[in-house]
Amino acid sequence: MKNENQMKYFVYMRKSTEAEDRQILSIQSQRDEMMKIIKDDKLSIVDFIDESYSAKKPGRAKFNEMIRRIENGEANAILSWNPNRLSRNSVDTGIIIYLLDQKKLIEVKTPTQIFKDTPNDKFLLNLFCSQAKLENDNKSVDVIRGMNKKAKNGWFPGQARPGYYNDKYGEKGEKEILPDQIRFPLIKKAFKTILSRTHSPAQVLEMLNNDWGYTSAKRKRLGGKPMRKSQFYKMLSDPFYYGYFKFGGEIYKGKHEAMISKEEHENIQSLLGRNQSSPNGASYNDVFYRTFTCGECGGQICPDVKIQTICSHCKTKFASRNRDVCPNCKTKIFDMVNPKQLRYVYYTCKGNKNPNCSQKRGVNEESVLSQLKEELKKIRISEKMTKWFVAQLSKINNKEVKDQVNIGEALREKLNDTKKTKQNLIKLKISPNNMNGEIMSDDEFVEQKNIVDKEITDLMTKIHRAEEKSKLWTELAIDTFNFACYASYHFDTGDYETKKNILTGFGSNIEILDGKVNVILPKHLEIIKRVNNLIITKKEIIEPKEFVLHKRKTGSLEPVSPTWHGM
């Protein structure tokens, strides 16, 4: 093996522009640290290589060039501030280890440690780089979890749409999306102008950029530009502008200020001639897509939207979903003065499972929603009874939740102690006193580390279970009572998103056959429905015509007499 004087070093410094490295020393700071080592140890330096690029994935240009130069024999050692500067992914880590195996790389040097071509050193180098990868993976999971939580709280977890801006000063996870006081009114005016039918969308875009002076928000390298055509038409079909947004395949109701109403959004889609029954379409009833199944063949029942326009010039009524002019007088829809538009929605079997299915005749949406409303009434529980049951169940649940919180705290304390044990184990292994494995051999280290890792995994599983148990059957029962009490009202008064959410909890399977809706209820709701039917059947028996007892004596019985409270 070559001696110290024959070592030729590449000094590799890396600073990522991504969040994972924002707390890492800057490249200049790394260079300063390296210069001290070079001066003290009198190292022979071939080149200084610095790079501003994430090491989470392979593909760093300067790193790959350094590896190529090492393979060609220009240098045989690397000096870096920390192993995670060299690699945070398994591919690049493997390349460095392989160069050590081939003797093309003699050592990897850091301010605190030297890694040579020994099983112990290569194992530790791989371990440190793997720990850096684990940190990245955990951060990715945490980021996704945080974004999902933010979406559920009603805030879009991403760059704000044109006309809005992201609040930089809010609390983490609760940063709002606010109207841009300059651009919000301009884009809103563009929507309203299209709805007025005085100008085509292309004309409105031209006015937005040229006459009204719209430019995108200015940032360091981007912004200050007029709106692009593709961006404009994408904006016209974006549910964000009427108060909703899509994230992770789900649709959420946003807390941001809506620019237009849902009805105005649908009118714009109609003017654009878009097929709104498509699941990838702009909106109208895509929330009910794949909600119903055919009672005959088990295929998909999908919404089919029929749009008709009555020409304001010649009064001709024509299908306008895929045309933009009157077939009689050839007047463009955009040139008509307040033409009347009619929209009809039918649910039909698409025949995807049986092309010969007889259920291809559409069922009017009003009939479907009316039948679903009647089904919801069959599981309704009175508000007074619901409040009484919730109060009783909450008492039971509070004690159990408190117990689970105490268990969780004890488990977390034990988890922290176990993590410290792992850190001490690593420190002992890399200690200068253990260079030859006198205190702990490689096999002993691996064996004890595996035991500690398993204990950490088991504790994390137990903590998760304790958190899950905090939502006991009592809370599920409370959810059931609240659903049964209020679902019918919110289905009747809510928008399509609300209706879809209610149907998700209402039935595991909703079939349509011969124009009739059949809901296969989950077990807990089926029980409520049976009890309600029994009460209606026996109502004459259990409900006295006159209450002659004193209220003070009968008050405790009121909550368990559902028919007394208007079920």
Protein backbone atom coordinates (compact mmCIF):
# COMPACT_ATOMS: atom_id res chain seq x y z
CA MET A 1 0.00 0.00 0.00
CA LYS A 2 1.18 3.53 -0.74
CA ASN A 3 2.46 5.60 2.14
CA GLU A 4 1.14 8.99 3.23
CA ASN A 5 3.53 10.93 0.97
CA GLN A 6 2.11 9.22 -2.09
CA MET A 7 -1.45 10.31 -1.39
CA LYS A 8 -2.94 12.64 -4.00
CA TYR A 9 -6.23 14.19 -2.91
CA PHE A 10 -9.31 15.59 -4.55
CA VAL A 11 -11.01 18.04 -2.17
CA TYR A 12 -14.76 17.59 -2.71
CA MET A 13 -17.19 20.19 -1.33
CA ARG A 14 -20.93 20.16 -1.87
CA LYS A 15 -23.77 22.47 -0.88
CA SER A 16 -27.26 21.56 -2.00
CA THR A 17 -29.80 24.21 -2.91
CA GLU A 18 -32.54 21.99 -1.51
CA ALA A 19 -33.98 22.02 2.00
CA GLU A 20 -32.12 18.87 3.08
CA ASP A 21 -28.81 20.75 3.22
CA ARG A 22 -29.76 24.24 4.32
CA GLN A 23 -28.14 23.74 7.71
CA ILE A 24 -24.90 22.39 6.20
CA LEU A 25 -21.82 24.59 6.01
CA SER A 26 -21.55 26.68 2.85
CA ILE A 27 -18.92 25.74 0.29
CA GLN A 28 -16.64 28.56 1.42
CA SER A 29 -16.91 27.39 5.03
CA GLN A 30 -16.11 23.84 3.96
CA ARG A 31 -13.11 25.12 2.00
CA ASP A 32 -11.83 26.96 5.08
CA GLU A 33 -12.09 23.77 7.15
CA MET A 34 -10.32 21.75 4.46
CA MET A 35 -7.48 24.27 4.20
CA LYS A 36 -6.70 23.85 7.90
CA ILE A 37 -6.41 20.08 7.45
CA ILE A 38 -4.33 20.45 4.30
CA LYS A 39 -1.92 22.80 6.09
CA ASP A 40 -1.66 20.73 9.29
CA ASP A 41 -1.26 17.34 7.55
CA LYS A 42 0.71 18.70 4.56
CA LEU A 43 -1.53 16.99 2.03
CA SER A 44 -0.88 16.90 -1.69
CA ILE A 45 -3.94 18.35 -3.48
CA VAL A 46 -4.69 17.61 -7.13
CA ASP A 47 -7.84 19.73 -7.43
CA PHE A 48 -10.62 21.45 -5.50
CA ILE A 49 -14.08 20.35 -6.67
CA ASP A 50 -17.18 22.17 -5.48
CA GLU A 51 -20.75 21.46 -6.48
CA SER A 52 -24.19 22.92 -5.67
CA TYR A 53 -26.39 19.91 -6.25
CA SER A 54 -28.40 17.44 -4.18
CA ALA A 55 -26.85 14.03 -3.55
CA LYS A 56 -30.20 12.30 -3.00
CA LYS A 57 -30.03 10.82 -6.52
CA PRO A 58 -27.15 9.79 -8.80
CA GLY A 59 -26.25 12.17 -11.60
CA ARG A 60 -24.01 14.89 -10.15
CA ALA A 61 -21.82 16.03 -13.06
CA LYS A 62 -18.75 17.13 -11.07
CA PHE A 63 -18.90 14.12 -8.73
CA ASN A 64 -19.03 11.77 -11.73
CA GLU A 65 -16.11 13.63 -13.32
CA MET A 66 -14.11 13.24 -10.08
CA ILE A 67 -14.80 9.48 -10.06
CA ARG A 68 -13.68 9.22 -13.70
CA ARG A 69 -10.42 11.06 -12.89
CA ILE A 70 -9.77 8.74 -9.91
CA GLU A 71 -10.27 5.71 -12.18
CA ASN A 72 -7.74 7.25 -14.58
CA GLY A 73 -5.20 7.57 -11.76
CA GLU A 74 -5.11 11.37 -11.34
CA ALA A 75 -5.75 11.03 -7.60
CA ASN A 76 -6.11 8.20 -5.10
CA ALA A 77 -7.74 9.91 -2.10
CA ILE A 78 -10.68 12.19 -1.29
CA LEU A 79 -10.87 14.88 1.36
CA SER A 80 -14.38 15.95 2.32
CA TRP A 81 -16.03 17.66 5.26
CA ASN A 82 -18.42 14.73 5.92
CA PRO A 83 -19.30 11.41 4.23
CA ASN A 84 -22.79 12.75 3.48
CA ARG A 85 -21.16 15.42 1.27
CA LEU A 86 -20.03 12.58 -0.98
CA SER A 87 -23.21 10.55 -1.12
CA ARG A 88 -26.79 10.33 0.10
CA ASN A 89 -27.79 7.51 -2.24
CA SER A 90 -26.87 3.85 -2.54
CA VAL A 91 -25.47 4.07 -6.11
CA ASP A 92 -22.80 6.70 -5.43
CA THR A 93 -21.96 5.08 -2.10
CA GLY A 94 -21.42 1.77 -3.87
CA ILE A 95 -19.09 3.43 -6.42
CA ILE A 96 -16.86 4.84 -3.66
CA ILE A 97 -16.72 1.48 -1.83
CA TYR A 98 -15.93 -0.28 -5.12
CA LEU A 99 -13.03 2.12 -5.81
CA LEU A 100 -11.65 1.23 -2.36
CA ASP A 101 -12.00 -2.47 -3.22
CA GLN A 102 -10.07 -1.94 -6.47
CA LYS A 103 -7.30 -0.05 -4.63
CA LYS A 104 -7.84 2.91 -6.99
CA LEU A 105 -9.01 4.86 -3.96
CA ILE A 106 -6.68 4.52 -0.97
CA GLU A 107 -8.61 6.56 1.57
CA VAL A 108 -11.52 8.91 2.20
CA LYS A 109 -10.53 11.54 4.74
CA THR A 110 -12.77 13.79 6.89
CA PRO A 111 -11.87 16.18 9.74
CA THR A 112 -12.72 13.50 12.29
CA GLN A 113 -11.98 10.16 10.64
CA ILE A 114 -10.15 8.30 7.88
CA PHE A 115 -11.74 5.45 5.90
CA LYS A 116 -9.33 3.01 4.27
CA ASP A 117 -9.65 -0.28 2.41
CA THR A 118 -10.50 -2.38 5.48
CA PRO A 119 -13.77 -4.22 6.17
CA ASN A 120 -14.36 -2.11 9.28
CA ASP A 121 -13.75 1.24 7.55
CA LYS A 122 -15.80 0.36 4.48
CA PHE A 123 -18.63 -0.83 6.67
CA LEU A 124 -18.66 2.43 8.65
CA LEU A 125 -18.41 4.59 5.51
CA ASN A 126 -21.35 2.73 4.05
CA LEU A 127 -23.21 3.08 7.36
CA PHE A 128 -22.74 6.87 7.52
CA CYS A 129 -23.85 7.35 3.92
CA SER A 130 -26.82 5.03 4.51
CA GLN A 131 -27.82 7.05 7.57
CA ALA A 132 -27.80 10.17 5.38
CA LYS A 133 -30.09 8.35 2.92
CA LEU A 134 -32.38 7.30 5.80
CA GLU A 135 -32.64 10.92 6.92
CA ASN A 136 -33.67 11.91 3.39
CA ASP A 137 -36.26 9.14 3.18
CA ASN A 138 -37.73 10.08 6.57
CA LYS A 139 -37.86 13.74 5.56
CA SER A 140 -39.70 12.81 2.35
CA VAL A 141 -42.28 10.87 4.36
CA ASP A 142 -42.65 13.78 6.79
CA VAL A 143 -43.05 16.26 3.93
CA ILE A 144 -45.78 14.17 2.26
CA ARG A 145 -47.54 13.70 5.61
CA GLY A 146 -47.39 17.45 6.24
CA MET A 147 -48.73 18.27 2.78
CA ASN A 148 -51.64 15.87 3.21
CA LYS A 149 -52.45 17.40 6.58
CA LYS A 150 -52.34 20.90 5.08
CA ALA A 151 -54.68 19.83 2.27
CA LYS A 152 -57.15 18.36 4.79
CA ASN A 153 -57.03 21.67 6.66
CA GLY A 154 -58.20 23.41 3.49
CA TRP A 155 -54.95 24.97 2.24
CA PHE A 156 -53.45 23.98 -1.10
CA PRO A 157 -49.92 22.61 -0.36
CA GLY A 158 -48.10 24.15 -3.27
CA GLN A 159 -47.42 27.24 -5.33
CA ALA A 160 -50.42 29.58 -5.34
CA ARG A 161 -52.37 29.95 -8.57
CA PRO A 162 -52.20 33.18 -10.63
CA GLY A 163 -54.13 35.86 -8.77
CA TYR A 164 -53.06 34.55 -5.35
CA TYR A 165 -49.85 34.38 -3.31
CA ASN A 166 -48.46 32.15 -0.55
CA ASP A 167 -48.30 33.72 2.90
CA LYS A 168 -44.65 33.46 3.97
CA TYR A 169 -45.20 34.51 7.55
CA GLY A 170 -47.86 32.06 8.76
CA GLU A 171 -47.17 29.13 11.05
CA LYS A 172 -45.75 25.99 9.49
CA GLY A 173 -48.53 23.82 8.08
CA GLU A 174 -51.03 26.69 8.33
CA LYS A 175 -49.61 29.15 5.81
CA GLU A 176 -52.54 30.63 3.95
CA ILE A 177 -53.08 31.39 0.28
CA LEU A 178 -54.20 35.00 -0.03
CA PRO A 179 -55.59 37.12 -2.90
CA ASP A 180 -52.96 39.12 -4.77
CA GLN A 181 -54.31 42.66 -4.51
CA ILE A 182 -52.97 43.56 -7.96
CA ARG A 183 -53.65 40.43 -10.00
CA PHE A 184 -56.76 39.03 -8.26
CA PRO A 185 -59.08 41.81 -9.59
CA LEU A 186 -57.65 41.50 -13.13
CA ILE A 187 -58.18 37.73 -13.37
CA LYS A 188 -61.62 38.03 -11.79
CA LYS A 189 -62.48 40.64 -14.41
CA ALA A 190 -61.33 38.19 -17.10
CA PHE A 191 -63.69 35.50 -15.75
CA LYS A 192 -66.61 37.94 -15.60
CA THR A 193 -65.94 39.20 -19.14
CA ILE A 194 -66.03 35.65 -20.51
CA LEU A 195 -69.28 35.00 -18.64
CA SER A 196 -70.81 38.15 -20.14
CA ARG A 197 -70.30 36.61 -23.62
CA THR A 198 -69.20 39.96 -25.03
CA HIS A 199 -65.73 38.64 -25.92
CA SER A 200 -64.20 35.28 -26.72
CA PRO A 201 -61.62 33.76 -24.33
CA ALA A 202 -58.85 34.57 -26.82
CA GLN A 203 -59.95 38.21 -26.88
CA VAL A 204 -60.13 38.31 -23.08
CA LEU A 205 -56.58 36.95 -22.84
CA GLU A 206 -55.36 39.67 -25.20
CA MET A 207 -57.10 42.35 -23.13
CA LEU A 208 -55.73 40.88 -19.89
CA ASN A 209 -52.15 41.13 -21.11
CA ASN A 210 -52.20 44.20 -23.35
CA ASP A 211 -55.01 46.46 -22.12
CA TRP A 212 -55.13 45.68 -18.40
CA GLY A 213 -51.37 45.26 -17.95
CA TYR A 214 -51.27 41.81 -16.35
CA THR A 215 -47.84 40.34 -15.62
CA SER A 216 -46.97 37.39 -13.37
CA ALA A 217 -45.50 37.99 -9.92
CA LYS A 218 -41.80 38.83 -10.07
CA ARG A 219 -39.38 36.45 -8.36
CA LYS A 220 -35.60 36.08 -8.39
CA ARG A 221 -35.29 34.48 -11.81
CA LEU A 222 -38.87 34.14 -13.02
CA GLY A 223 -41.98 36.24 -13.34
CA GLY A 224 -42.86 39.63 -14.74
CA LYS A 225 -44.28 38.01 -17.90
CA PRO A 226 -47.73 38.19 -19.54
CA MET A 227 -50.00 35.17 -19.13
CA ARG A 228 -49.42 32.38 -21.63
CA LYS A 229 -52.30 30.99 -23.66
CA SER A 230 -51.90 27.46 -22.28
CA GLN A 231 -51.82 28.79 -18.72
CA PHE A 232 -54.92 30.90 -19.33
CA TYR A 233 -57.04 28.01 -20.62
CA LYS A 234 -55.80 25.76 -17.82
CA MET A 235 -56.85 28.46 -15.35
CA LEU A 236 -60.37 28.56 -16.86
CA SER A 237 -60.89 24.88 -15.96
CA ASP A 238 -59.16 24.93 -12.56
CA PRO A 239 -61.53 24.23 -9.62
CA PHE A 240 -59.21 26.31 -7.41
CA TYR A 241 -60.94 29.47 -8.60
CA TYR A 242 -64.34 28.43 -7.26
CA GLY A 243 -62.94 27.31 -3.91
CA TYR A 244 -61.79 23.68 -4.40
CA PHE A 245 -58.50 22.03 -5.32
CA LYS A 246 -57.18 18.61 -6.26
CA PHE A 247 -54.23 17.09 -4.42
CA GLY A 248 -53.00 13.50 -4.29
CA GLY A 249 -55.97 12.26 -6.31
CA GLU A 250 -58.47 13.76 -3.85
CA ILE A 251 -60.66 16.86 -4.06
CA TYR A 252 -60.61 19.25 -1.09
CA LYS A 253 -62.69 22.27 -0.20
CA GLY A 254 -60.27 25.17 0.15
CA LYS A 255 -60.27 27.94 2.74
CA HIS A 256 -58.89 30.48 0.24
CA GLU A 257 -61.16 33.20 -1.14
CA ALA A 258 -63.01 31.95 -4.22
CA MET A 259 -62.87 34.16 -7.30
CA ILE A 260 -66.05 32.83 -8.95
CA SER A 261 -68.94 30.57 -7.95
CA LYS A 262 -69.26 26.88 -8.86
CA GLU A 263 -72.17 27.75 -11.17
CA GLU A 264 -70.10 30.38 -12.97
CA HIS A 265 -67.29 27.86 -13.38
CA GLU A 266 -69.71 25.36 -14.93
CA ASN A 267 -71.06 28.02 -17.30
CA ILE A 268 -67.53 28.74 -18.51
CA GLN A 269 -66.97 25.03 -19.19
CA SER A 270 -70.21 25.00 -21.16
CA LEU A 271 -69.11 28.03 -23.19
CA LEU A 272 -65.82 26.31 -23.93
CA GLY A 273 -67.72 23.25 -25.18
CA ARG A 274 -66.02 20.86 -22.78
CA ASN A 275 -67.42 17.41 -22.02
CA GLN A 276 -68.19 17.78 -18.34
CA SER A 277 -69.16 14.16 -17.80
CA SER A 278 -65.55 13.08 -18.28
CA PRO A 279 -63.65 12.13 -15.09
CA ASN A 280 -60.79 14.26 -16.35
CA GLY A 281 -63.09 17.10 -17.38
CA ALA A 282 -63.44 20.41 -15.70
CA SER A 283 -65.98 19.63 -13.09
CA TYR A 284 -69.73 19.47 -13.30
CA ASN A 285 -70.43 16.01 -11.99
CA ASP A 286 -67.05 14.35 -11.98
CA VAL A 287 -67.46 14.00 -8.20
CA PHE A 288 -70.09 11.29 -8.87
CA TYR A 289 -67.91 9.43 -11.34
CA ARG A 290 -67.53 5.74 -10.29
CA THR A 291 -69.96 6.27 -7.39
CA PHE A 292 -72.78 4.05 -8.69
CA THR A 293 -72.77 0.53 -10.14
CA CYS A 294 -75.22 -1.19 -12.45
CA GLY A 295 -77.60 -3.53 -10.62
CA GLU A 296 -77.76 -5.82 -13.64
CA CYS A 297 -74.16 -6.33 -14.82
CA GLY A 298 -72.10 -4.70 -12.06
CA GLY A 299 -70.55 -2.23 -14.50
CA GLN A 300 -70.03 1.49 -14.04
CA ILE A 301 -72.93 3.91 -13.92
CA CYS A 302 -71.56 7.25 -15.14
CA PRO A 303 -73.05 10.74 -15.46
CA ASP A 304 -73.90 11.87 -18.98
CA VAL A 305 -74.37 15.63 -19.27
CA LYS A 306 -76.68 17.01 -21.97
CA ILE A 307 -76.34 20.73 -22.60
CA GLN A 308 -78.80 22.63 -24.77
CA THR A 309 -78.77 26.29 -25.73
CA ILE A 310 -81.71 28.40 -26.91
CA CYS A 311 -80.42 30.85 -29.50
CA SER A 312 -81.16 34.46 -28.55
CA HIS A 313 -81.55 35.36 -32.26
CA CYS A 314 -83.78 32.68 -33.78
CA LYS A 315 -84.92 30.86 -30.60
CA THR A 316 -83.69 27.51 -31.94
CA LYS A 317 -82.87 24.97 -29.21
CA PHE A 318 -79.79 22.90 -30.01
CA ALA A 319 -77.25 20.61 -28.32
CA SER A 320 -74.29 22.86 -27.59
CA ARG A 321 -71.80 20.77 -25.65
CA ASN A 322 -69.64 20.17 -28.70
CA ARG A 323 -70.59 23.06 -30.99
CA ASP A 324 -70.21 26.80 -30.77
CA VAL A 325 -72.70 28.09 -33.36
CA CYS A 326 -76.47 27.90 -33.81
CA PRO A 327 -77.23 25.26 -36.51
CA ASN A 328 -80.11 27.39 -37.84
CA CYS A 329 -78.92 31.00 -38.05
CA LYS A 330 -75.15 30.27 -37.66
CA THR A 331 -74.80 32.80 -34.83
CA LYS A 332 -71.82 32.09 -32.59
CA ILE A 333 -72.65 31.36 -28.95
CA PHE A 334 -70.18 34.03 -27.88
CA ASP A 335 -72.07 36.57 -30.01
CA MET A 336 -75.47 35.74 -28.50
CA VAL A 337 -76.98 38.09 -25.93
CA ASN A 338 -77.71 36.11 -22.75
CA PRO A 339 -78.74 32.84 -24.44
CA LYS A 340 -80.69 30.46 -22.21
CA GLN A 341 -78.84 27.24 -21.45
CA LEU A 342 -80.41 24.02 -20.20
CA ARG A 343 -78.46 21.26 -18.53
CA TYR A 344 -79.68 17.71 -18.02
CA VAL A 345 -77.73 14.94 -16.26
CA TYR A 346 -78.50 11.26 -16.75
CA TYR A 347 -76.86 8.21 -15.20
CA THR A 348 -76.37 5.29 -17.58
CA CYS A 349 -74.55 1.98 -17.61
CA LYS A 350 -71.48 2.16 -19.85
CA GLY A 351 -71.63 -1.57 -20.63
CA ASN A 352 -67.98 -2.06 -19.73
CA LYS A 353 -68.73 -5.48 -18.19
CA ASN A 354 -71.60 -6.54 -20.42
CA PRO A 355 -72.04 -4.74 -23.78
CA ASN A 356 -75.56 -6.20 -23.98
CA CYS A 357 -76.66 -4.79 -20.61
CA SER A 358 -80.23 -3.46 -20.77
CA GLN A 359 -79.59 -0.63 -18.29
CA LYS A 360 -78.31 1.87 -20.88
CA ARG A 361 -81.38 4.05 -20.62
CA GLY A 362 -80.42 7.00 -18.47
CA VAL A 363 -81.93 7.85 -15.08
CA ASN A 364 -82.49 11.54 -14.43
CA GLU A 365 -80.18 12.95 -11.77
CA GLU A 366 -83.05 14.56 -9.86
CA SER A 367 -84.64 11.13 -9.45
CA VAL A 368 -81.34 9.59 -8.25
CA LEU A 369 -80.71 12.34 -5.68
CA SER A 370 -84.34 12.24 -4.48
CA GLN A 371 -84.14 8.47 -3.87
CA LEU A 372 -80.82 8.82 -2.04
CA LYS A 373 -82.32 11.49 0.18
CA GLU A 374 -85.18 9.13 1.09
CA GLU A 375 -82.68 6.39 1.94
CA LEU A 376 -80.83 8.77 4.25
CA LYS A 377 -84.06 9.56 6.06
CA LYS A 378 -84.41 5.87 6.93
CA ILE A 379 -81.29 5.98 9.10
CA ARG A 380 -81.94 9.36 10.71
CA ILE A 381 -81.61 9.68 14.50
CA SER A 382 -83.03 12.70 16.30
CA GLU A 383 -80.62 15.42 17.40
CA LYS A 384 -81.65 15.16 21.05
CA MET A 385 -80.97 11.42 21.16
CA THR A 386 -77.63 11.93 19.37
CA LYS A 387 -76.45 14.52 21.89
CA TRP A 388 -77.36 12.25 24.81
CA PHE A 389 -75.50 9.23 23.36
CA VAL A 390 -72.48 11.35 22.45
CA ALA A 391 -72.28 12.71 26.00
CA GLN A 392 -72.37 9.21 27.50
CA LEU A 393 -69.84 7.76 25.07
CA SER A 394 -67.47 10.72 25.53
CA LYS A 395 -67.27 10.03 29.25
CA ILE A 396 -66.20 6.47 28.55
CA ASN A 397 -63.73 7.51 25.86
CA ASN A 398 -61.99 10.30 27.81
CA LYS A 399 -60.59 7.89 30.39
CA GLU A 400 -59.33 5.47 27.73
CA VAL A 401 -57.70 8.28 25.71
CA LYS A 402 -55.92 9.53 28.83
CA ASP A 403 -54.57 6.03 29.48
CA GLN A 404 -53.30 5.72 25.91
CA VAL A 405 -51.61 9.14 26.09
CA ASN A 406 -49.73 8.03 29.21
CA ILE A 407 -48.69 4.79 27.51
CA GLY A 408 -47.52 6.74 24.45
CA GLU A 409 -45.37 9.10 26.54
CA ALA A 410 -43.73 6.18 28.33
CA LEU A 411 -43.00 4.46 25.01
CA ARG A 412 -41.50 7.63 23.51
CA GLU A 413 -39.21 8.04 26.50
CA LYS A 414 -38.05 4.46 26.08
CA LEU A 415 -37.58 5.04 22.33
CA ASN A 416 -35.31 8.04 23.00
CA ASP A 417 -33.23 5.97 25.42
CA THR A 418 -32.88 3.20 22.83
CA LYS A 419 -31.76 5.67 20.15
CA LYS A 420 -29.11 6.97 22.55
CA THR A 421 -27.97 3.38 23.07
CA LYS A 422 -27.52 3.03 19.31
CA GLN A 423 -25.52 6.28 19.14
CA ASN A 424 -23.27 5.11 21.96
CA LEU A 425 -22.79 1.78 20.20
CA ILE A 426 -21.60 3.54 17.04
CA LYS A 427 -19.32 5.86 19.02
CA LEU A 428 -17.75 2.86 20.74
CA LYS A 429 -17.23 1.09 17.41
CA ILE A 430 -15.48 4.06 15.78
CA SER A 431 -13.51 4.96 18.91
CA PRO A 432 -9.71 5.23 18.44
CA ASN A 433 -9.40 2.67 21.25
CA ASN A 434 -11.23 0.16 19.06
CA MET A 435 -9.19 0.53 15.88
CA ASN A 436 -8.28 -3.17 15.91
CA GLY A 437 -11.60 -4.38 17.25
CA GLU A 438 -10.21 -5.00 20.72
CA ILE A 439 -13.29 -3.64 22.50
CA MET A 440 -15.90 -4.63 19.91
CA SER A 441 -15.45 -6.67 16.75
CA ASP A 442 -17.34 -6.11 13.50
CA ASP A 443 -19.55 -9.15 14.12
CA GLU A 444 -20.39 -8.03 17.65
CA PHE A 445 -21.22 -4.55 16.40
CA VAL A 446 -23.55 -5.85 13.68
CA GLU A 447 -25.26 -8.25 16.09
CA GLN A 448 -25.87 -5.61 18.78
CA LYS A 449 -26.91 -2.99 16.23
CA ASN A 450 -29.50 -5.38 14.77
CA ILE A 451 -30.92 -5.98 18.24
CA VAL A 452 -31.17 -2.24 18.93
CA ASP A 453 -32.70 -1.53 15.49
CA LYS A 454 -35.34 -4.20 16.07
CA GLU A 455 -36.17 -2.70 19.46
CA ILE A 456 -36.53 0.75 17.87
CA THR A 457 -38.86 -0.65 15.20
CA ASP A 458 -40.96 -2.47 17.81
CA LEU A 459 -41.27 0.67 19.95
CA MET A 460 -42.32 2.79 16.98
CA THR A 461 -44.99 0.20 16.13
CA LYS A 462 -46.28 0.25 19.71
CA ILE A 463 -46.39 4.07 19.72
CA HIS A 464 -48.39 4.01 16.48
CA ARG A 465 -50.82 1.48 17.97
CA ALA A 466 -51.21 3.59 21.11
CA GLU A 467 -52.07 6.61 18.98
CA GLU A 468 -54.54 4.57 16.96
CA LYS A 469 -56.19 3.23 20.10
CA SER A 470 -56.87 6.78 21.23
CA LYS A 471 -59.68 6.67 18.66
CA LEU A 472 -61.67 3.82 20.15
CA TRP A 473 -64.94 2.28 19.19
CA THR A 474 -66.62 5.02 21.23
CA GLU A 475 -65.37 7.67 18.81
CA LEU A 476 -66.44 5.57 15.87
CA ALA A 477 -69.86 5.24 17.48
CA ILE A 478 -69.99 9.02 17.96
CA ASP A 479 -69.18 9.49 14.28
CA THR A 480 -71.97 7.08 13.38
CA PHE A 481 -74.56 8.91 15.51
CA ASN A 482 -73.55 12.30 14.12
CA PHE A 483 -73.67 10.95 10.57
CA ALA A 484 -77.12 9.43 11.06
CA CYS A 485 -78.38 12.64 12.63
CA TYR A 486 -77.13 15.24 10.16
CA ALA A 487 -76.36 13.43 6.86
CA SER A 488 -79.86 13.87 5.41
CA TYR A 489 -79.86 17.63 6.05
CA HIS A 490 -76.38 18.24 4.61
CA PHE A 491 -77.10 16.02 1.58
CA ASP A 492 -80.19 18.12 0.86
CA THR A 493 -78.51 21.51 1.31
CA GLY A 494 -74.85 20.85 0.42
CA ASP A 495 -72.96 21.09 -2.89
CA TYR A 496 -71.87 18.13 -4.99
CA GLU A 497 -68.68 17.63 -3.00
CA THR A 498 -70.68 17.42 0.23
CA LYS A 499 -73.09 14.95 -1.35
CA LYS A 500 -70.20 12.77 -2.56
CA ASN A 501 -68.59 12.74 0.90
CA ILE A 502 -71.89 11.70 2.48
CA LEU A 503 -72.38 8.91 -0.05
CA THR A 504 -68.86 7.63 0.71
CA GLY A 505 -69.84 7.07 4.35
CA PHE A 506 -73.42 6.07 3.54
CA GLY A 507 -73.08 2.97 1.42
CA SER A 508 -70.32 0.55 0.51
CA ASN A 509 -72.19 -0.10 -2.73
CA ILE A 510 -74.92 1.94 -4.42
CA GLU A 511 -76.67 0.19 -7.31
CA ILE A 512 -79.08 1.52 -9.92
CA LEU A 513 -81.48 -0.94 -11.58
CA ASP A 514 -84.55 -0.06 -13.65
CA GLY A 515 -84.41 3.52 -12.45
CA LYS A 516 -84.37 2.49 -8.77
CA VAL A 517 -81.54 3.20 -6.36
CA ASN A 518 -80.52 0.42 -3.98
CA VAL A 519 -78.08 1.21 -1.18
CA ILE A 520 -76.20 -1.66 0.47
CA LEU A 521 -75.58 -0.20 3.91
CA PRO A 522 -72.63 -0.93 6.17
CA LYS A 523 -73.54 -3.06 9.18
CA HIS A 524 -73.77 -0.24 11.74
CA LEU A 525 -76.13 1.83 9.56
CA GLU A 526 -78.20 -1.24 8.63
CA ILE A 527 -78.84 -1.79 12.35
CA ILE A 528 -80.05 1.80 12.73
CA LYS A 529 -82.34 1.38 9.72
CA ARG A 530 -83.87 -1.82 11.17
CA VAL A 531 -84.44 -0.18 14.55
CA ASN A 532 -86.12 2.78 12.86
CA ASN A 533 -88.39 0.45 10.88
CA LEU A 534 -89.27 -1.40 14.07
CA ILE A 535 -90.06 1.85 15.87
CA ILE A 536 -92.30 3.01 13.02
CA THR A 537 -94.09 -0.35 13.06
CA LYS A 538 -94.56 -0.36 16.85
CA LYS A 539 -95.09 3.39 17.21
CA GLU A 540 -98.69 3.07 18.38
CA ILE A 541 -97.56 0.75 21.17
CA ILE A 542 -94.57 2.61 22.57
CA GLU A 543 -95.76 6.17 22.14
CA PRO A 544 -98.58 7.19 24.53
CA LYS A 545 -101.07 9.74 23.28
CA GLU A 546 -100.80 11.79 26.47
CA PHE A 547 -97.91 12.22 28.92
CA VAL A 548 -99.51 12.29 32.34
CA LEU A 549 -96.42 11.75 34.52
CA HIS A 550 -94.51 14.63 36.05
CA LYS A 551 -91.54 15.85 33.93
CA ARG A 552 -89.15 15.57 36.87
CA LYS A 553 -89.95 11.86 37.16
CA THR A 554 -89.86 11.10 33.44
CA GLY A 555 -86.96 13.33 32.36
CA SER A 556 -84.35 10.60 32.69
CA LEU A 557 -86.30 8.44 30.24
CA GLU A 558 -86.54 11.03 27.49
CA PRO A 559 -83.25 10.25 25.68
CA VAL A 560 -84.16 6.60 25.21
CA SER A 561 -87.57 7.34 23.72
CA PRO A 562 -86.68 8.24 20.13
CA THR A 563 -90.22 8.61 18.83
CA TRP A 564 -90.82 11.35 21.41
CA HIS A 565 -88.29 13.50 19.58
CA GLY A 566 -89.63 13.34 16.06
CA MET A 567 -87.76 10.42 14.49
